[in-house]
Amino acid sequence: MIIKNITLLGHKDHGKSTLIGNLLIQTKSVTPARINEAKKTSKKLGRQFEPGYILDSFSEEREQEMTIDTTRAEMAYKDLAFAFIDVPGHEELIKNMISGASYAEIALLMVSAKKEEGIKDQTKRHLFIAKMLGINKLIIAVNKMDLVGYSEDRFNQIRKELGGFIAKIGFKASNFYFVPVSAYNADNLIKKSGDMSWYKGKPLVELLYEQAKMEDKRKSTAPLRIVIQGAIESGRQTVVGKVISGRVKTGSMVSILPFGYKARIESIVVKGKKAKSAGLSDDVALTFESRVSGNLRGTVVAEGGEAPKLTDKINSLIFVTGGIKKPLKLRINGNEVKCKALEIAEQVDTTTGDANEKKGAEVLNAVRARIVLEKKVPIEDFDEVKELGRFVLYGNNKFAGIGIISP
């Protein structure tokens, strides 16, 4: 069964864990023993049954009613399995959120319909980060509709305000959807809710299923790109890596960058078996007709199209998570590269999407910056090949931000 990764975003207390817990129950993707454990915990804490306790593993999470670390739960639906990655919604744990969201293909954002909760700065920051991580498909679940009388006006108010911001930061109108739900009562999760007959769209799981079935055909037909993770010497040189776009075939003549070597592929192994070709997301072991010298970790195998650019100067957009202090270095394509210089051009407010001329780098905002590296590396614009167009920034050996390469 094919697994599709979905990251669950949103501010704390807006119902993410409750949503996943009830989805697991409704699709019978969780054991009765796990449900009973959650019921016992709810009773012990003097509360009504909370489906979210199925997900929160740690006692301190239950007591504080917040998710502390990234949590993964799998749910089967039709011919797919959804792996929900529940990430922290509170500001101080945003680094965990970045780690969890980076593995997802679709984002599901939770927004509470309650007026005292609603759209928060953190709600928008999560969306900004999701876009920077290359997540292009987005579903917004407007939750707790039961607590606002299933009001169509309240739903439309949130959709109008948040929809404008989503479009402003670069999501295409055809790639994001709003659905009104009550995670606790399971309204519009699997089946349409009779209390919201004004909503003419599909229930949440059907929207997820529809988006998950839409394959990224552009990447599968794009020029070949493989990021090499290392080499094995066992009588014959074998390089291992992951196909990030296109297809690789035996007999193909490829380039190995940044070295500029040309080599013909002699054999391909996928999952321990010889194959004539391999495609998008496959982990591959390759042998070439002739030996390739040098440290191959972080190099790129390329064929067709315009080759990745070899450069030591990049324009970037960086989401700031810590102090940008010297010495600076980037982790890109599996390699660490020292920065000779980083010049900030402007700052971007991640709660509005607006740029300003401030030269500082405020934590939780973004900056547009030009970076000079100590050596040339193969890159591509993030919008073309996201795996070759993003990096992690470290300042004084501490995590300082995530960045994407722009023209």
Protein backbone atom coordinates (compact mmCIF):
# COMPACT_ATOMS: atom_id res chain seq x y z
CA MET A 1 0.00 0.00 0.00
CA ILE A 2 1.34 3.42 -0.98
CA ILE A 3 2.00 5.77 1.96
CA LYS A 4 1.39 9.50 1.56
CA ASN A 5 2.92 11.86 4.12
CA ILE A 6 0.72 14.63 5.47
CA THR A 7 1.94 17.18 7.98
CA LEU A 8 -0.60 18.62 10.39
CA LEU A 9 -0.02 22.30 11.11
CA GLY A 10 -1.64 24.92 13.31
CA HIS A 11 -1.58 26.78 16.59
CA LYS A 12 -1.77 24.93 19.89
CA ASP A 13 -5.26 24.11 21.19
CA HIS A 14 -6.82 24.28 17.72
CA GLY A 15 -7.49 20.52 17.72
CA LYS A 16 -4.79 18.78 15.69
CA SER A 17 -4.33 15.79 17.99
CA THR A 18 -8.10 15.46 18.42
CA LEU A 19 -8.53 15.37 14.65
CA ILE A 20 -5.97 12.62 14.09
CA GLY A 21 -7.28 10.61 17.04
CA ASN A 22 -10.84 10.68 15.72
CA LEU A 23 -9.71 9.89 12.16
CA LEU A 24 -7.91 6.81 13.48
CA ILE A 25 -11.07 5.76 15.32
CA GLN A 26 -13.45 6.44 12.40
CA THR A 27 -11.31 4.46 9.93
CA LYS A 28 -10.62 1.65 12.42
CA SER A 29 -6.90 2.33 12.11
CA VAL A 30 -6.28 2.07 15.86
CA THR A 31 -6.69 -0.91 18.18
CA PRO A 32 -9.48 -1.11 20.79
CA ALA A 33 -6.75 -1.42 23.44
CA ARG A 34 -5.30 1.95 22.43
CA ILE A 35 -8.77 3.54 22.55
CA ASN A 36 -9.40 2.09 26.00
CA GLU A 37 -6.07 3.43 27.21
CA ALA A 38 -7.05 6.91 26.02
CA LYS A 39 -10.41 6.58 27.77
CA LYS A 40 -8.73 5.57 31.02
CA THR A 41 -6.35 8.51 30.77
CA SER A 42 -9.25 10.90 30.14
CA LYS A 43 -11.08 9.57 33.20
CA LYS A 44 -7.96 9.73 35.36
CA LEU A 45 -7.52 13.40 34.45
CA GLY A 46 -11.20 14.09 35.18
CA ARG A 47 -12.09 14.87 31.57
CA GLN A 48 -14.48 13.63 28.90
CA PHE A 49 -13.01 11.18 26.42
CA GLU A 50 -10.35 12.96 24.38
CA PRO A 51 -9.43 11.24 21.07
CA GLY A 52 -6.18 13.21 21.01
CA TYR A 53 -4.85 11.11 23.88
CA ILE A 54 -4.53 8.24 21.40
CA LEU A 55 -1.77 10.27 19.78
CA ASP A 56 0.00 12.05 22.64
CA SER A 57 2.44 9.51 24.01
CA PHE A 58 3.89 11.41 26.93
CA SER A 59 2.13 12.00 30.23
CA GLU A 60 3.35 15.61 30.36
CA GLU A 61 1.66 16.25 27.00
CA ARG A 62 -1.66 15.01 28.37
CA GLU A 63 -1.38 17.07 31.50
CA GLN A 64 -0.34 20.25 29.65
CA GLU A 65 -2.64 19.56 26.67
CA MET A 66 0.09 20.23 24.10
CA THR A 67 2.10 18.11 21.69
CA ILE A 68 5.77 18.33 22.65
CA ASP A 69 7.51 16.57 19.79
CA THR A 70 6.79 15.40 16.28
CA THR A 71 4.43 12.41 16.33
CA ARG A 72 3.55 10.05 13.46
CA ALA A 73 0.31 8.10 13.04
CA GLU A 74 -0.78 6.01 10.06
CA MET A 75 -4.34 5.63 8.79
CA ALA A 76 -5.57 3.37 5.98
CA TYR A 77 -8.20 4.72 3.59
CA LYS A 78 -9.23 2.95 0.38
CA ASP A 79 -6.03 1.99 -1.47
CA LEU A 80 -3.78 4.48 0.33
CA ALA A 81 -2.22 4.86 3.74
CA PHE A 82 -1.87 8.35 5.19
CA ALA A 83 1.05 9.01 7.51
CA PHE A 84 0.02 12.03 9.59
CA ILE A 85 2.97 13.93 11.03
CA ASP A 86 1.66 15.92 13.98
CA VAL A 87 4.09 18.71 14.78
CA PRO A 88 4.20 21.21 17.66
CA GLY A 89 2.02 24.27 17.26
CA HIS A 90 3.53 26.46 19.95
CA GLU A 91 6.24 28.95 19.13
CA GLU A 92 9.09 27.67 21.28
CA LEU A 93 9.04 24.30 19.52
CA ILE A 94 9.00 25.54 15.94
CA LYS A 95 12.31 23.78 15.17
CA ASN A 96 10.55 20.44 15.72
CA MET A 97 7.81 21.61 13.38
CA ILE A 98 10.34 22.30 10.59
CA SER A 99 11.84 18.83 10.99
CA GLY A 100 8.45 17.11 10.86
CA ALA A 101 7.02 19.13 8.00
CA SER A 102 10.04 18.56 5.76
CA TYR A 103 8.95 14.95 5.10
CA ALA A 104 5.42 15.77 3.98
CA GLU A 105 3.82 16.03 0.55
CA ILE A 106 0.57 17.67 1.68
CA ALA A 107 -0.13 20.03 4.57
CA LEU A 108 -3.32 19.97 6.62
CA LEU A 109 -3.74 23.21 8.57
CA MET A 110 -6.04 23.39 11.60
CA VAL A 111 -7.71 26.71 12.42
CA SER A 112 -10.19 27.09 15.28
CA ALA A 113 -13.46 28.81 14.38
CA LYS A 114 -13.80 30.17 17.93
CA LYS A 115 -13.45 33.95 17.86
CA GLU A 116 -11.07 34.03 20.83
CA GLU A 117 -8.80 31.56 19.02
CA GLY A 118 -9.10 31.96 15.24
CA ILE A 119 -6.17 32.93 13.00
CA LYS A 120 -2.97 33.49 14.97
CA ASP A 121 0.48 34.72 13.97
CA GLN A 122 1.71 31.17 14.45
CA THR A 123 -0.96 29.92 12.02
CA LYS A 124 0.53 32.10 9.30
CA ARG A 125 4.12 31.25 10.19
CA HIS A 126 3.37 27.56 9.79
CA LEU A 127 2.00 28.27 6.32
CA PHE A 128 5.06 30.32 5.43
CA ILE A 129 7.38 27.50 6.52
CA ALA A 130 5.32 24.88 4.67
CA LYS A 131 5.69 26.86 1.44
CA MET A 132 9.45 27.18 1.99
CA LEU A 133 9.73 23.44 2.52
CA GLY A 134 8.16 22.81 -0.86
CA ILE A 135 4.70 21.71 0.24
CA ASN A 136 2.37 22.91 -2.53
CA LYS A 137 -0.86 21.13 -1.65
CA LEU A 138 -2.79 22.54 1.29
CA ILE A 139 -6.08 21.73 2.99
CA ILE A 140 -7.39 24.07 5.69
CA ALA A 141 -9.71 22.47 8.23
CA VAL A 142 -11.74 25.15 10.05
CA ASN A 143 -12.30 23.31 13.32
CA LYS A 144 -14.68 23.59 16.30
CA MET A 145 -17.60 24.54 14.07
CA ASP A 146 -19.91 22.98 16.67
CA LEU A 147 -18.81 25.69 19.14
CA VAL A 148 -19.89 28.51 16.81
CA GLY A 149 -23.29 27.06 15.94
CA TYR A 150 -22.03 25.65 12.62
CA SER A 151 -22.01 29.22 11.32
CA GLU A 152 -21.47 29.59 7.58
CA ASP A 153 -20.64 33.28 8.08
CA ARG A 154 -17.83 32.46 10.53
CA PHE A 155 -16.41 29.86 8.11
CA ASN A 156 -16.49 32.34 5.21
CA GLN A 157 -14.84 35.01 7.36
CA ILE A 158 -11.87 32.76 8.10
CA ARG A 159 -11.68 31.57 4.50
CA LYS A 160 -11.57 35.13 3.17
CA GLU A 161 -8.92 36.38 5.61
CA LEU A 162 -6.63 33.35 5.47
CA GLY A 163 -7.15 32.73 1.76
CA GLY A 164 -5.68 36.12 0.92
CA PHE A 165 -2.53 35.41 2.93
CA ILE A 166 -2.14 31.92 1.44
CA ALA A 167 -2.29 33.30 -2.09
CA LYS A 168 0.12 36.12 -1.18
CA ILE A 169 2.89 33.75 -0.07
CA GLY A 170 2.71 31.76 -3.29
CA PHE A 171 0.17 28.94 -3.07
CA LYS A 172 -1.83 28.48 -6.27
CA ALA A 173 -5.59 28.89 -5.87
CA SER A 174 -6.12 25.41 -7.36
CA ASN A 175 -3.89 23.84 -4.68
CA PHE A 176 -5.65 24.83 -1.45
CA TYR A 177 -9.08 23.98 -0.08
CA PHE A 178 -11.15 24.93 2.97
CA VAL A 179 -13.41 22.47 4.80
CA PRO A 180 -15.50 23.16 7.95
CA VAL A 181 -15.18 20.41 10.59
CA SER A 182 -15.74 19.46 14.19
CA ALA A 183 -12.82 17.17 14.98
CA TYR A 184 -14.33 16.15 18.31
CA ASN A 185 -17.76 15.23 16.87
CA ALA A 186 -16.30 13.84 13.60
CA ASP A 187 -18.37 16.30 11.52
CA ASN A 188 -17.18 16.37 7.88
CA LEU A 189 -14.24 14.08 8.61
CA ILE A 190 -15.36 10.91 6.80
CA LYS A 191 -18.98 11.75 6.01
CA LYS A 192 -20.76 15.00 5.18
CA SER A 193 -22.28 16.69 8.22
CA GLY A 194 -26.02 17.28 8.36
CA ASP A 195 -25.38 20.32 10.56
CA MET A 196 -23.47 22.04 7.72
CA SER A 197 -25.68 21.40 4.70
CA TRP A 198 -24.52 24.77 3.33
CA TYR A 199 -21.09 23.25 2.68
CA LYS A 200 -21.14 21.74 -0.81
CA GLY A 201 -17.60 20.37 -0.90
CA LYS A 202 -16.17 16.96 -0.02
CA PRO A 203 -15.46 15.72 3.51
CA LEU A 204 -11.90 16.06 4.77
CA VAL A 205 -10.64 12.54 4.07
CA GLU A 206 -11.97 12.62 0.51
CA LEU A 207 -10.12 15.88 -0.12
CA LEU A 208 -6.92 14.34 1.25
CA TYR A 209 -7.41 11.24 -0.86
CA GLU A 210 -8.06 13.28 -4.01
CA GLN A 211 -4.91 15.36 -3.53
CA ALA A 212 -2.76 12.36 -2.61
CA LYS A 213 -3.75 10.53 -5.81
CA MET A 214 -2.57 13.41 -7.97
CA GLU A 215 1.03 12.46 -8.76
CA ASP A 216 3.67 15.08 -9.46
CA LYS A 217 4.07 14.25 -13.16
CA ARG A 218 6.45 17.16 -13.73
CA LYS A 219 9.09 15.60 -11.49
CA SER A 220 8.77 12.12 -12.97
CA THR A 221 9.25 13.44 -16.52
CA ALA A 222 11.89 16.04 -15.58
CA PRO A 223 15.62 15.66 -16.35
CA LEU A 224 17.45 13.08 -14.22
CA ARG A 225 18.84 14.22 -10.88
CA ILE A 226 20.32 11.89 -8.23
CA VAL A 227 21.90 13.13 -5.00
CA ILE A 228 24.77 10.80 -4.05
CA GLN A 229 24.95 9.86 -0.37
CA GLY A 230 28.19 7.90 -0.47
CA ALA A 231 30.27 5.18 -2.09
CA ILE A 232 30.90 1.54 -1.18
CA GLU A 233 34.22 -0.14 -1.97
CA SER A 234 33.88 -3.92 -2.10
CA GLY A 235 35.99 -5.00 -5.02
CA ARG A 236 33.91 -2.73 -7.27
CA GLN A 237 32.95 0.87 -6.67
CA THR A 238 29.24 1.32 -5.99
CA VAL A 239 27.61 4.69 -5.33
CA VAL A 240 24.33 5.02 -3.45
CA GLY A 241 21.83 7.85 -3.67
CA LYS A 242 18.22 8.91 -4.19
CA VAL A 243 16.47 9.82 -7.44
CA ILE A 244 14.95 13.27 -6.89
CA SER A 245 13.66 13.80 -10.43
CA GLY A 246 13.43 11.95 -13.73
CA ARG A 247 14.49 8.37 -14.44
CA VAL A 248 17.88 6.65 -14.54
CA LYS A 249 18.55 3.83 -17.01
CA THR A 250 21.39 1.39 -17.57
CA GLY A 251 23.64 2.45 -20.43
CA SER A 252 22.94 6.16 -19.94
CA MET A 253 25.85 8.62 -20.10
CA VAL A 254 25.57 10.98 -17.11
CA SER A 255 27.44 13.92 -15.63
CA ILE A 256 28.73 13.91 -12.04
CA LEU A 257 28.78 17.39 -10.54
CA PRO A 258 30.61 19.43 -9.36
CA PHE A 259 33.53 17.34 -10.71
CA GLY A 260 32.30 17.51 -14.30
CA TYR A 261 33.01 13.80 -14.93
CA LYS A 262 31.17 11.88 -17.61
CA ALA A 263 30.35 8.25 -16.82
CA ARG A 264 28.19 5.52 -18.30
CA ILE A 265 25.88 3.61 -15.95
CA GLU A 266 26.63 -0.12 -16.04
CA SER A 267 24.14 -1.43 -13.46
CA ILE A 268 21.33 -0.29 -11.18
CA VAL A 269 20.14 -1.97 -7.98
CA VAL A 270 16.84 -1.02 -6.32
CA LYS A 271 15.80 -2.68 -3.03
CA GLY A 272 18.51 -5.32 -3.40
CA LYS A 273 17.50 -6.34 -6.92
CA LYS A 274 19.02 -5.46 -10.28
CA ALA A 275 16.86 -3.17 -12.39
CA LYS A 276 17.01 -1.68 -15.88
CA SER A 277 15.78 1.67 -14.60
CA ALA A 278 14.69 3.54 -11.48
CA GLY A 279 12.43 6.53 -10.92
CA LEU A 280 11.39 9.31 -8.60
CA SER A 281 12.13 8.72 -4.89
CA ASP A 282 13.89 5.39 -5.49
CA ASP A 283 16.99 4.66 -3.41
CA VAL A 284 19.53 3.30 -5.88
CA ALA A 285 22.96 1.68 -5.93
CA LEU A 286 24.85 2.42 -9.15
CA THR A 287 28.02 1.11 -10.76
CA PHE A 288 29.75 2.92 -13.62
CA GLU A 289 31.76 1.41 -16.45
CA SER A 290 34.84 3.22 -15.14
CA ARG A 291 35.87 4.24 -11.65
CA VAL A 292 35.01 7.76 -10.42
CA SER A 293 37.55 9.32 -8.06
CA GLY A 294 37.05 11.86 -5.27
CA ASN A 295 34.65 12.32 -2.37
CA LEU A 296 31.28 11.62 -3.97
CA ARG A 297 29.05 12.46 -0.99
CA GLY A 298 26.78 15.36 -1.91
CA THR A 299 27.57 15.18 -5.62
CA VAL A 300 24.77 15.18 -8.19
CA VAL A 301 24.26 12.75 -11.07
CA ALA A 302 22.55 14.62 -13.90
CA GLU A 303 21.30 13.84 -17.40
CA GLY A 304 19.21 15.88 -19.81
CA GLY A 305 17.92 19.41 -19.63
CA GLU A 306 19.99 22.32 -18.41
CA ALA A 307 22.59 21.04 -15.96
CA PRO A 308 22.51 22.17 -12.33
CA LYS A 309 24.36 25.44 -11.83
CA LEU A 310 27.84 25.30 -10.27
CA THR A 311 28.30 28.41 -8.16
CA ASP A 312 29.68 29.83 -4.93
CA LYS A 313 27.18 32.71 -4.88
CA ILE A 314 23.48 32.20 -4.17
CA ASN A 315 20.43 34.39 -3.66
CA SER A 316 18.22 33.03 -0.91
CA LEU A 317 15.18 33.41 1.31
CA ILE A 318 15.94 32.26 4.88
CA PHE A 319 13.47 31.55 7.70
CA VAL A 320 15.38 32.60 10.81
CA THR A 321 15.30 30.30 13.85
CA GLY A 322 18.40 31.52 15.71
CA GLY A 323 21.28 33.96 15.70
CA ILE A 324 23.01 34.43 12.35
CA LYS A 325 26.47 34.67 13.91
CA LYS A 326 29.90 33.86 12.51
CA PRO A 327 31.25 31.38 11.68
CA LEU A 328 28.46 30.59 9.24
CA LYS A 329 28.01 27.40 7.22
CA LEU A 330 25.39 25.76 5.03
CA ARG A 331 24.35 22.13 4.90
CA ILE A 332 23.31 21.55 1.31
CA ASN A 333 23.01 18.29 -0.66
CA GLY A 334 24.49 16.41 2.28
CA ASN A 335 27.61 18.60 2.41
CA GLU A 336 28.65 21.30 4.84
CA VAL A 337 30.09 24.39 3.17
CA LYS A 338 31.52 27.42 4.97
CA CYS A 339 30.12 30.87 4.19
CA LYS A 340 32.58 33.62 3.37
CA ALA A 341 29.86 36.29 3.52
CA LEU A 342 26.09 36.74 4.05
CA GLU A 343 24.53 40.07 3.09
CA ILE A 344 20.91 40.75 4.07
CA ALA A 345 18.92 42.71 1.47
CA GLU A 346 15.54 42.87 3.24
CA GLN A 347 13.44 41.27 5.94
CA VAL A 348 10.05 39.58 5.39
CA ASP A 349 7.35 39.55 8.08
CA THR A 350 6.15 35.93 8.11
CA THR A 351 2.75 36.92 9.60
CA THR A 352 1.91 39.27 6.73
CA GLY A 353 4.18 38.27 3.85
CA ASP A 354 5.31 41.90 3.51
CA ALA A 355 8.95 42.90 3.01
CA ASN A 356 10.66 45.79 4.78
CA GLU A 357 14.10 47.38 4.61
CA LYS A 358 15.25 46.25 8.05
CA LYS A 359 18.74 44.79 7.81
CA GLY A 360 18.48 42.65 10.94
CA ALA A 361 17.50 39.00 11.13
CA GLU A 362 14.68 38.68 13.65
CA VAL A 363 13.92 35.17 14.84
CA LEU A 364 10.70 33.75 13.30
CA ASN A 365 10.82 36.21 10.42
CA ALA A 366 12.56 35.68 7.08
CA VAL A 367 15.34 37.51 5.25
CA ARG A 368 16.37 37.75 1.62
CA ALA A 369 20.13 37.43 1.52
CA ARG A 370 23.04 36.92 -0.86
CA ILE A 371 25.49 34.26 0.32
CA VAL A 372 29.09 33.72 -0.80
CA LEU A 373 30.43 30.19 -0.19
CA GLU A 374 34.02 29.00 0.13
CA LYS A 375 33.59 26.63 -2.85
CA LYS A 376 31.26 25.99 -5.76
CA VAL A 377 28.34 23.57 -5.30
CA PRO A 378 25.67 22.24 -7.71
CA ILE A 379 22.32 23.99 -7.15
CA GLU A 380 19.01 24.63 -8.86
CA ASP A 381 16.28 27.15 -8.14
CA PHE A 382 13.94 25.86 -5.44
CA ASP A 383 10.90 26.16 -7.73
CA GLU A 384 12.56 23.81 -10.23
CA VAL A 385 14.11 21.07 -8.04
CA LYS A 386 13.43 21.70 -4.36
CA GLU A 387 15.93 19.09 -3.13
CA LEU A 388 18.77 20.98 -4.86
CA GLY A 389 17.37 24.37 -3.95
CA ARG A 390 17.19 24.31 -0.15
CA PHE A 391 19.66 24.32 2.70
CA VAL A 392 20.07 24.58 6.46
CA LEU A 393 22.01 27.51 7.91
CA TYR A 394 24.19 27.24 11.01
CA GLY A 395 25.57 30.21 12.94
CA ASN A 396 28.39 29.61 15.42
CA ASN A 397 27.61 25.84 15.13
CA LYS A 398 23.94 26.35 16.11
CA PHE A 399 20.83 25.87 13.96
CA ALA A 400 20.05 29.35 12.62
CA GLY A 401 17.47 28.79 9.87
CA ILE A 402 16.26 27.04 6.75
CA GLY A 403 16.74 28.58 3.33
CA ILE A 404 15.66 28.23 -0.27
CA ILE A 405 17.56 29.31 -3.35
CA SER A 406 15.87 31.90 -5.57
CA PRO A 407 16.82 33.40 -8.95
